[in-house]
N, C-alpha and C. Protein backbone atom coordinates (compact mmCIF):
# COMPACT_ATOMS: atom_id res chain seq x y z
N MET A 1 3.48 -11.69 12.06
CA MET A 1 2.54 -11.47 13.14
C MET A 1 2.95 -10.23 13.90
N GLY A 2 1.98 -9.39 14.18
CA GLY A 2 2.24 -8.16 14.90
C GLY A 2 2.08 -8.34 16.40
N MET A 3 2.68 -7.44 17.12
CA MET A 3 2.59 -7.42 18.58
C MET A 3 1.77 -6.20 18.94
N GLY A 4 0.97 -6.31 19.96
CA GLY A 4 0.17 -5.18 20.39
C GLY A 4 0.31 -4.94 21.87
N VAL A 5 -0.20 -3.80 22.30
CA VAL A 5 -0.17 -3.47 23.71
C VAL A 5 -1.50 -2.80 24.07
N VAL A 6 -1.98 -3.10 25.25
CA VAL A 6 -3.19 -2.47 25.77
C VAL A 6 -2.75 -1.45 26.81
N ILE A 7 -3.16 -0.20 26.59
CA ILE A 7 -2.84 0.87 27.53
C ILE A 7 -4.10 1.20 28.31
N ALA A 8 -3.98 1.26 29.62
CA ALA A 8 -5.13 1.54 30.48
C ALA A 8 -4.80 2.65 31.46
N CYS A 9 -5.83 3.41 31.85
CA CYS A 9 -5.68 4.49 32.82
C CYS A 9 -6.40 4.10 34.11
N ALA A 10 -5.69 4.18 35.22
CA ALA A 10 -6.27 3.85 36.52
C ALA A 10 -7.23 4.93 37.01
N SER A 11 -7.10 6.16 36.54
CA SER A 11 -7.95 7.26 37.01
C SER A 11 -9.34 7.26 36.39
N CYS A 12 -9.41 7.12 35.07
CA CYS A 12 -10.69 7.30 34.38
C CYS A 12 -11.22 6.04 33.69
N GLY A 13 -10.45 4.98 33.69
CA GLY A 13 -10.90 3.75 33.05
C GLY A 13 -10.64 3.68 31.55
N TYR A 14 -9.97 4.69 30.99
CA TYR A 14 -9.61 4.68 29.57
C TYR A 14 -8.82 3.42 29.27
N GLU A 15 -9.14 2.80 28.13
CA GLU A 15 -8.40 1.62 27.70
C GLU A 15 -8.33 1.63 26.19
N GLN A 16 -7.15 1.39 25.64
CA GLN A 16 -6.96 1.42 24.20
C GLN A 16 -6.00 0.32 23.77
N MET A 17 -6.38 -0.42 22.74
CA MET A 17 -5.51 -1.42 22.16
C MET A 17 -4.70 -0.75 21.06
N HIS A 18 -3.39 -0.97 21.06
CA HIS A 18 -2.51 -0.42 20.04
C HIS A 18 -1.87 -1.59 19.29
N PHE A 19 -2.14 -1.66 18.00
CA PHE A 19 -1.60 -2.71 17.14
C PHE A 19 -0.26 -2.24 16.60
N LEU A 20 0.81 -2.93 16.93
CA LEU A 20 2.16 -2.53 16.55
C LEU A 20 2.77 -3.57 15.62
N GLY A 21 3.70 -3.14 14.80
CA GLY A 21 4.35 -4.05 13.87
C GLY A 21 3.50 -4.24 12.61
N THR A 22 3.57 -5.43 12.05
CA THR A 22 2.81 -5.74 10.84
C THR A 22 2.14 -7.09 10.98
N GLY A 23 1.03 -7.24 10.28
CA GLY A 23 0.30 -8.51 10.27
C GLY A 23 0.70 -9.36 9.08
N MET A 24 0.16 -10.55 9.00
CA MET A 24 0.51 -11.48 7.93
C MET A 24 0.07 -10.98 6.56
N SER A 25 -0.97 -10.17 6.48
CA SER A 25 -1.44 -9.67 5.19
C SER A 25 -0.63 -8.45 4.73
N TYR A 26 0.38 -8.06 5.49
CA TYR A 26 1.20 -6.89 5.18
C TYR A 26 2.45 -7.27 4.38
N GLY A 27 2.33 -8.16 3.43
CA GLY A 27 3.49 -8.63 2.68
C GLY A 27 4.25 -7.52 1.98
N THR A 28 3.53 -6.58 1.39
CA THR A 28 4.15 -5.45 0.70
C THR A 28 3.39 -4.18 1.09
N LEU A 29 4.01 -3.05 0.84
CA LEU A 29 3.34 -1.78 1.10
C LEU A 29 2.14 -1.61 0.17
N GLU A 30 2.23 -2.14 -1.05
CA GLU A 30 1.09 -2.08 -1.97
C GLU A 30 -0.13 -2.80 -1.41
N ALA A 31 0.10 -3.87 -0.66
CA ALA A 31 -1.01 -4.65 -0.09
C ALA A 31 -1.78 -3.86 0.97
N VAL A 32 -1.14 -2.89 1.58
CA VAL A 32 -1.79 -2.08 2.62
C VAL A 32 -1.73 -0.60 2.27
N ILE A 33 -1.76 -0.30 0.99
CA ILE A 33 -1.64 1.09 0.53
C ILE A 33 -2.77 1.96 1.07
N ASN A 34 -3.90 1.35 1.42
CA ASN A 34 -5.01 2.13 1.98
C ASN A 34 -4.66 2.73 3.34
N LEU A 35 -3.58 2.29 3.97
CA LEU A 35 -3.14 2.86 5.24
C LEU A 35 -2.30 4.13 5.05
N VAL A 36 -1.87 4.38 3.81
CA VAL A 36 -1.14 5.60 3.47
C VAL A 36 -2.18 6.71 3.26
N HIS A 37 -1.90 7.89 3.76
CA HIS A 37 -2.83 9.01 3.62
C HIS A 37 -3.20 9.20 2.15
N TYR A 38 -4.46 9.47 1.89
CA TYR A 38 -4.95 9.54 0.51
C TYR A 38 -4.24 10.58 -0.33
N ARG A 39 -3.72 11.63 0.27
CA ARG A 39 -3.02 12.65 -0.50
C ARG A 39 -1.63 12.20 -0.96
N LYS A 40 -1.05 11.23 -0.28
CA LYS A 40 0.29 10.75 -0.63
C LYS A 40 0.26 9.39 -1.31
N ARG A 41 -0.90 8.77 -1.35
CA ARG A 41 -1.03 7.42 -1.87
C ARG A 41 -0.52 7.27 -3.31
N ALA A 42 -0.90 8.17 -4.21
CA ALA A 42 -0.51 8.07 -5.62
C ALA A 42 1.00 8.20 -5.78
N LYS A 43 1.62 9.10 -5.05
CA LYS A 43 3.06 9.31 -5.14
C LYS A 43 3.83 8.08 -4.65
N VAL A 44 3.36 7.49 -3.55
CA VAL A 44 4.00 6.29 -3.01
C VAL A 44 3.82 5.12 -3.98
N LEU A 45 2.61 4.94 -4.49
CA LEU A 45 2.36 3.87 -5.46
C LEU A 45 3.21 4.02 -6.70
N ASP A 46 3.35 5.24 -7.19
CA ASP A 46 4.16 5.48 -8.38
C ASP A 46 5.61 5.07 -8.14
N ALA A 47 6.16 5.43 -6.99
CA ALA A 47 7.54 5.07 -6.67
C ALA A 47 7.71 3.55 -6.57
N LEU A 48 6.73 2.90 -5.98
CA LEU A 48 6.80 1.45 -5.82
C LEU A 48 6.66 0.72 -7.15
N GLN A 49 5.70 1.13 -7.96
CA GLN A 49 5.40 0.42 -9.20
C GLN A 49 6.36 0.76 -10.33
N SER A 50 6.99 1.92 -10.28
CA SER A 50 7.92 2.31 -11.34
C SER A 50 9.31 1.73 -11.14
N GLY A 51 9.56 1.14 -10.00
CA GLY A 51 10.87 0.58 -9.71
C GLY A 51 11.85 1.60 -9.16
N ARG A 52 11.41 2.81 -8.86
CA ARG A 52 12.30 3.84 -8.30
C ARG A 52 12.61 3.58 -6.83
N ALA A 53 11.78 2.79 -6.16
CA ALA A 53 11.98 2.53 -4.73
C ALA A 53 13.09 1.50 -4.54
N VAL A 54 14.10 1.85 -3.75
CA VAL A 54 15.21 0.92 -3.50
C VAL A 54 15.17 0.35 -2.08
N ASP A 55 14.45 1.01 -1.19
CA ASP A 55 14.35 0.52 0.19
C ASP A 55 12.97 0.90 0.72
N VAL A 56 12.23 -0.09 1.21
CA VAL A 56 10.87 0.14 1.69
C VAL A 56 10.72 -0.48 3.06
N GLY A 57 10.19 0.28 4.00
CA GLY A 57 9.89 -0.23 5.33
C GLY A 57 8.57 0.35 5.80
N PHE A 58 7.81 -0.44 6.55
CA PHE A 58 6.52 0.04 7.05
C PHE A 58 6.10 -0.78 8.25
N GLU A 59 5.40 -0.13 9.19
CA GLU A 59 4.88 -0.79 10.37
C GLU A 59 4.01 0.17 11.18
N HIS A 60 3.22 -0.38 12.06
CA HIS A 60 2.48 0.41 13.04
C HIS A 60 3.42 0.60 14.22
N LYS A 61 3.53 1.84 14.71
CA LYS A 61 4.42 2.15 15.82
C LYS A 61 3.70 2.99 16.85
N LEU A 62 4.23 2.98 18.06
CA LEU A 62 3.71 3.79 19.14
C LEU A 62 4.54 5.07 19.21
N TYR A 63 3.85 6.20 19.17
CA TYR A 63 4.47 7.52 19.22
C TYR A 63 3.91 8.28 20.40
N VAL A 64 4.55 9.40 20.69
CA VAL A 64 4.07 10.27 21.75
C VAL A 64 4.17 11.72 21.27
N CYS A 65 3.23 12.52 21.71
CA CYS A 65 3.27 13.95 21.41
C CYS A 65 4.15 14.61 22.46
N PRO A 66 5.18 15.34 22.06
CA PRO A 66 6.06 15.98 23.04
C PRO A 66 5.39 17.14 23.78
N VAL A 67 4.29 17.67 23.25
CA VAL A 67 3.58 18.77 23.89
C VAL A 67 2.48 18.24 24.81
N CYS A 68 1.58 17.42 24.26
CA CYS A 68 0.47 16.87 25.05
C CYS A 68 0.90 15.71 25.95
N GLU A 69 2.01 15.08 25.63
CA GLU A 69 2.56 13.94 26.36
C GLU A 69 1.62 12.74 26.36
N THR A 70 0.89 12.55 25.27
CA THR A 70 -0.03 11.41 25.16
C THR A 70 0.46 10.44 24.10
N PRO A 71 0.35 9.14 24.37
CA PRO A 71 0.77 8.13 23.39
C PRO A 71 -0.31 7.91 22.33
N THR A 72 0.12 7.53 21.15
CA THR A 72 -0.79 7.23 20.06
C THR A 72 -0.11 6.29 19.07
N GLU A 73 -0.90 5.53 18.39
CA GLU A 73 -0.39 4.60 17.38
C GLU A 73 -0.57 5.21 16.00
N ARG A 74 0.43 5.04 15.14
CA ARG A 74 0.35 5.51 13.77
C ARG A 74 1.00 4.49 12.83
N PHE A 75 0.54 4.47 11.59
CA PHE A 75 1.17 3.66 10.56
C PHE A 75 2.30 4.49 9.96
N ASP A 76 3.50 3.95 10.02
CA ASP A 76 4.67 4.65 9.51
C ASP A 76 5.23 3.87 8.33
N TYR A 77 5.70 4.59 7.34
CA TYR A 77 6.36 3.96 6.20
C TYR A 77 7.53 4.83 5.76
N ARG A 78 8.47 4.19 5.08
CA ARG A 78 9.62 4.89 4.54
C ARG A 78 9.92 4.26 3.18
N VAL A 79 9.91 5.08 2.13
CA VAL A 79 10.24 4.62 0.78
C VAL A 79 11.41 5.47 0.30
N ARG A 80 12.59 4.84 0.21
CA ARG A 80 13.78 5.55 -0.29
C ARG A 80 13.90 5.26 -1.77
N CYS A 81 14.03 6.31 -2.56
CA CYS A 81 14.07 6.19 -4.02
C CYS A 81 15.50 6.29 -4.54
N VAL A 82 15.70 5.86 -5.79
CA VAL A 82 17.03 5.87 -6.38
C VAL A 82 17.62 7.27 -6.48
N ASP A 83 16.80 8.29 -6.58
CA ASP A 83 17.30 9.66 -6.67
C ASP A 83 17.61 10.27 -5.31
N GLY A 84 17.46 9.50 -4.24
CA GLY A 84 17.79 9.96 -2.90
C GLY A 84 16.61 10.52 -2.11
N THR A 85 15.48 10.73 -2.75
CA THR A 85 14.31 11.23 -2.02
C THR A 85 13.75 10.13 -1.12
N VAL A 86 13.17 10.56 -0.04
CA VAL A 86 12.55 9.63 0.90
C VAL A 86 11.10 10.06 1.11
N LEU A 87 10.19 9.14 0.88
CA LEU A 87 8.77 9.39 1.10
C LEU A 87 8.40 8.86 2.47
N ARG A 88 7.90 9.74 3.33
CA ARG A 88 7.50 9.38 4.70
C ARG A 88 6.27 10.19 5.05
N PRO A 89 5.45 9.69 5.95
CA PRO A 89 4.32 10.50 6.39
C PRO A 89 4.78 11.55 7.41
N ARG A 90 4.01 12.60 7.50
CA ARG A 90 4.24 13.56 8.57
C ARG A 90 3.28 13.16 9.68
N LEU A 91 3.83 12.65 10.76
CA LEU A 91 3.02 12.14 11.86
C LEU A 91 2.82 13.24 12.88
N ARG A 92 1.55 13.66 13.04
CA ARG A 92 1.25 14.77 13.94
C ARG A 92 0.18 14.37 14.96
N CYS A 93 0.22 15.06 16.08
CA CYS A 93 -0.74 14.85 17.17
C CYS A 93 -2.13 15.27 16.70
N GLY A 94 -3.13 14.46 16.98
CA GLY A 94 -4.50 14.79 16.63
C GLY A 94 -5.08 15.93 17.44
N ARG A 95 -4.50 16.22 18.58
CA ARG A 95 -5.01 17.27 19.45
C ARG A 95 -4.35 18.62 19.17
N CYS A 96 -3.01 18.68 19.16
CA CYS A 96 -2.32 19.97 19.03
C CYS A 96 -1.54 20.13 17.73
N ARG A 97 -1.50 19.09 16.91
CA ARG A 97 -0.85 19.09 15.60
C ARG A 97 0.68 19.16 15.66
N SER A 98 1.27 18.92 16.83
CA SER A 98 2.73 18.86 16.94
C SER A 98 3.23 17.57 16.30
N ASP A 99 4.47 17.60 15.82
CA ASP A 99 5.07 16.40 15.25
C ASP A 99 5.29 15.37 16.36
N LEU A 100 4.92 14.13 16.07
CA LEU A 100 5.08 13.05 17.04
C LEU A 100 6.51 12.54 17.05
N VAL A 101 6.93 11.97 18.18
CA VAL A 101 8.24 11.34 18.32
C VAL A 101 8.03 9.91 18.79
N ASP A 102 9.03 9.07 18.58
CA ASP A 102 8.95 7.68 19.03
C ASP A 102 8.71 7.61 20.53
N ALA A 103 7.82 6.73 20.94
CA ALA A 103 7.55 6.51 22.37
C ALA A 103 8.58 5.52 22.89
N GLU A 104 9.54 6.03 23.64
CA GLU A 104 10.61 5.17 24.14
C GLU A 104 10.61 5.05 25.65
N GLU A 105 9.96 5.96 26.32
CA GLU A 105 9.90 5.92 27.77
C GLU A 105 8.88 4.87 28.21
N PRO A 106 8.93 4.42 29.46
CA PRO A 106 7.85 3.56 29.95
C PRO A 106 6.52 4.30 29.86
N ILE A 107 5.47 3.59 29.55
CA ILE A 107 4.15 4.19 29.30
C ILE A 107 3.64 4.97 30.50
N MET A 108 4.10 4.66 31.71
CA MET A 108 3.64 5.34 32.92
C MET A 108 4.05 6.82 32.95
N LYS A 109 5.02 7.22 32.13
CA LYS A 109 5.48 8.61 32.14
C LYS A 109 4.59 9.53 31.30
N TYR A 110 3.67 8.95 30.53
CA TYR A 110 2.84 9.75 29.63
C TYR A 110 1.48 10.03 30.24
N ARG A 111 0.77 10.97 29.64
CA ARG A 111 -0.56 11.37 30.12
C ARG A 111 -1.65 10.56 29.43
N CYS A 112 -2.73 10.35 30.14
CA CYS A 112 -3.91 9.69 29.58
C CYS A 112 -4.54 10.63 28.56
N PRO A 113 -4.87 10.14 27.36
CA PRO A 113 -5.51 11.00 26.37
C PRO A 113 -6.88 11.51 26.78
N LYS A 114 -7.52 10.83 27.71
CA LYS A 114 -8.88 11.21 28.13
C LYS A 114 -8.87 12.17 29.31
N CYS A 115 -8.24 11.79 30.44
CA CYS A 115 -8.29 12.62 31.66
C CYS A 115 -7.03 13.45 31.90
N ARG A 116 -5.96 13.19 31.11
CA ARG A 116 -4.71 13.92 31.16
C ARG A 116 -3.86 13.62 32.39
N ASN A 117 -4.25 12.67 33.23
CA ASN A 117 -3.44 12.28 34.39
C ASN A 117 -2.31 11.35 33.96
N ARG A 118 -1.29 11.28 34.78
CA ARG A 118 -0.16 10.36 34.51
C ARG A 118 -0.40 9.03 35.22
N THR A 119 -1.50 8.40 34.89
CA THR A 119 -1.86 7.14 35.55
C THR A 119 -2.03 6.01 34.54
N LEU A 120 -1.26 6.06 33.45
CA LEU A 120 -1.33 5.00 32.44
C LEU A 120 -0.51 3.80 32.87
N SER A 121 -0.93 2.65 32.40
CA SER A 121 -0.16 1.43 32.62
C SER A 121 -0.31 0.54 31.40
N ASP A 122 0.62 -0.36 31.27
CA ASP A 122 0.60 -1.35 30.21
C ASP A 122 -0.22 -2.52 30.72
N ALA A 123 -1.44 -2.66 30.20
CA ALA A 123 -2.35 -3.70 30.68
C ALA A 123 -2.07 -5.06 30.05
N GLY A 124 -1.06 -5.15 29.25
CA GLY A 124 -0.68 -6.45 28.72
C GLY A 124 -0.48 -6.46 27.21
N PRO A 125 0.46 -7.32 26.77
CA PRO A 125 0.71 -7.47 25.34
C PRO A 125 -0.25 -8.48 24.72
N PHE A 126 -0.36 -8.43 23.40
CA PHE A 126 -1.13 -9.42 22.66
C PHE A 126 -0.55 -9.56 21.26
N LEU A 127 -0.84 -10.67 20.62
CA LEU A 127 -0.41 -10.90 19.26
C LEU A 127 -1.60 -10.67 18.34
N TRP A 128 -1.34 -10.15 17.16
CA TRP A 128 -2.40 -9.95 16.19
C TRP A 128 -1.89 -10.35 14.81
N ASP A 129 -2.84 -10.59 13.93
CA ASP A 129 -2.47 -11.03 12.59
C ASP A 129 -2.89 -10.02 11.57
């Protein structure tokens, strides 16, 4: 069961649900391969199905753009292969294309994606499947 968070802005009324973690149907990465970018899907599937993958991890996570300072949710995966290569997505900001970083600060320190004010709050957690 995944955990989620609702982010709300007091200035403009923006509200967004972010689904974090994994749901019950996420038993394997193959089961949710449609969440992998279409350009990398075949390479990831090949590593998984050929037995080259020795360590696999995946989940929805909350990230932040270090330039725009806005939070966003992305599906992240890591497939470590026997030859030492690691398959991971390149997670970039939809606005400025900067590489995203893990959101570790309290949500109030980030900017609203809509009005750009620092008036975000955590409107509450929820469970999802």
